Structure formats: structure tokens, C-alpha cells
Amino acid sequence: MKTINQEEFDRRLMKKLEDVKASELIHLPGIYEILSEEYNNEIIEEWEIDEASKEEEE
């Protein structure tokens, strides 16, 4: 039996991911942790900007 090479596997994975929404992916085991770590600083900075804007409006 032949085995799939990495290039072919990656191509097929990318094709499959074209049809999957991020809101579905985040529920896969481990994905939330990876994404929250990757975007941690960006999300906190955006939140701080939003909070500062709210304070200015008051």
C-alpha cells in the first residue's frame, strides 16, 4: 500500500479547510489554546482601546 506524502496531505488539508468556519475549528481539541496564545496580546490591546474609548465617552 502506498502512503501519502506530506505535500499531498497538506494540499488536501488546505482544500478541506476552505469549507470549515473558524467557529467550528475552535471547538477542536487544542485549537482554542493555540489560537488564544497566538492572538493574546492583540486581543488585549484591542480590548484596552475599546475600554479607553468608552471612558472618553462618559
C-alpha atoms as a PDB file:
ATOM      1  CA  MET A   1       0.000   0.000   0.000  1.00  0.00           C
ATOM      2  CA  LYS A   2       1.269   3.475  -0.874  1.00  0.00           C
ATOM      3  CA  THR A   3       1.499   6.186   1.749  1.00  0.00           C
ATOM      4  CA  ILE A   4       0.568   9.806   1.203  1.00  0.00           C
ATOM      5  CA  ASN A   5       3.454  12.262   1.143  1.00  0.00           C
ATOM      6  CA  GLN A   6       3.459  15.453   3.205  1.00  0.00           C
ATOM      7  CA  GLU A   7       2.921  17.741   0.223  1.00  0.00           C
ATOM      8  CA  GLU A   8      -0.178  15.845  -0.912  1.00  0.00           C
ATOM      9  CA  PHE A   9      -1.524  15.640   2.634  1.00  0.00           C
ATOM     10  CA  ASP A  10      -1.054  19.392   3.128  1.00  0.00           C
ATOM     11  CA  ARG A  11      -2.735  20.154  -0.198  1.00  0.00           C
ATOM     12  CA  ARG A  12      -5.756  18.058   0.744  1.00  0.00           C
ATOM     13  CA  LEU A  13      -5.871  19.518   4.246  1.00  0.00           C
ATOM     14  CA  MET A  14      -5.882  23.077   2.889  1.00  0.00           C
ATOM     15  CA  LYS A  15      -8.661  22.125   0.457  1.00  0.00           C
ATOM     16  CA  LYS A  16     -10.747  20.682   3.306  1.00  0.00           C
ATOM     17  CA  LEU A  17     -10.169  23.755   5.477  1.00  0.00           C
ATOM     18  CA  GLU A  18     -11.577  26.029   2.770  1.00  0.00           C
ATOM     19  CA  ASP A  19     -15.056  24.805   3.726  1.00  0.00           C
ATOM     20  CA  VAL A  20     -14.672  24.966   7.514  1.00  0.00           C
ATOM     21  CA  LYS A  21     -15.607  28.047   9.532  1.00  0.00           C
ATOM     22  CA  ALA A  22     -13.322  29.332  12.285  1.00  0.00           C
ATOM     23  CA  SER A  23     -16.222  28.976  14.732  1.00  0.00           C
ATOM     24  CA  GLU A  24     -16.185  25.233  14.011  1.00  0.00           C
ATOM     25  CA  LEU A  25     -12.402  24.869  14.214  1.00  0.00           C
ATOM     26  CA  ILE A  26     -12.156  26.497  17.629  1.00  0.00           C
ATOM     27  CA  HIS A  27     -14.070  23.566  19.148  1.00  0.00           C
ATOM     28  CA  LEU A  28     -11.474  21.003  18.037  1.00  0.00           C
ATOM     29  CA  PRO A  29      -9.282  19.795  20.924  1.00  0.00           C
ATOM     30  CA  GLY A  30      -6.257  22.055  21.401  1.00  0.00           C
ATOM     31  CA  ILE A  31      -7.200  24.660  18.799  1.00  0.00           C
ATOM     32  CA  TYR A  32      -8.615  27.202  21.284  1.00  0.00           C
ATOM     33  CA  GLU A  33      -5.406  27.068  23.309  1.00  0.00           C
ATOM     34  CA  ILE A  34      -3.222  27.574  20.239  1.00  0.00           C
ATOM     35  CA  LEU A  35      -5.293  30.484  18.919  1.00  0.00           C
ATOM     36  CA  SER A  36      -5.707  32.224  22.271  1.00  0.00           C
ATOM     37  CA  GLU A  37      -1.953  32.056  22.829  1.00  0.00           C
ATOM     38  CA  GLU A  38      -1.205  33.344  19.318  1.00  0.00           C
ATOM     39  CA  TYR A  39      -3.645  36.276  19.490  1.00  0.00           C
ATOM     40  CA  ASN A  40      -3.421  37.027  23.227  1.00  0.00           C
ATOM     41  CA  ASN A  41      -1.617  40.377  23.026  1.00  0.00           C
ATOM     42  CA  GLU A  42      -3.602  41.596  20.032  1.00  0.00           C
ATOM     43  CA  ILE A  43      -6.934  40.852  21.706  1.00  0.00           C
ATOM     44  CA  ILE A  44      -5.900  42.528  24.963  1.00  0.00           C
ATOM     45  CA  GLU A  45      -4.689  45.626  23.092  1.00  0.00           C
ATOM     46  CA  GLU A  46      -7.985  45.859  21.180  1.00  0.00           C
ATOM     47  CA  TRP A  47      -9.931  45.482  24.423  1.00  0.00           C
ATOM     48  CA  GLU A  48      -7.870  48.218  26.112  1.00  0.00           C
ATOM     49  CA  ILE A  49      -8.545  50.577  23.192  1.00  0.00           C
ATOM     50  CA  ASP A  50     -12.276  49.821  23.383  1.00  0.00           C
ATOM     51  CA  GLU A  51     -12.306  50.417  27.146  1.00  0.00           C
ATOM     52  CA  ALA A  52     -10.437  53.716  26.769  1.00  0.00           C
ATOM     53  CA  SER A  53     -12.953  54.838  24.144  1.00  0.00           C
ATOM     54  CA  LYS A  54     -15.832  54.021  26.484  1.00  0.00           C
ATOM     55  CA  GLU A  55     -14.235  56.055  29.284  1.00  0.00           C
ATOM     56  CA  GLU A  56     -13.781  59.042  26.960  1.00  0.00           C
ATOM     57  CA  GLU A  57     -17.476  58.913  26.035  1.00  0.00           C
ATOM     58  CA  GLU A  58     -18.558  59.101  29.678  1.00  0.00           C
END
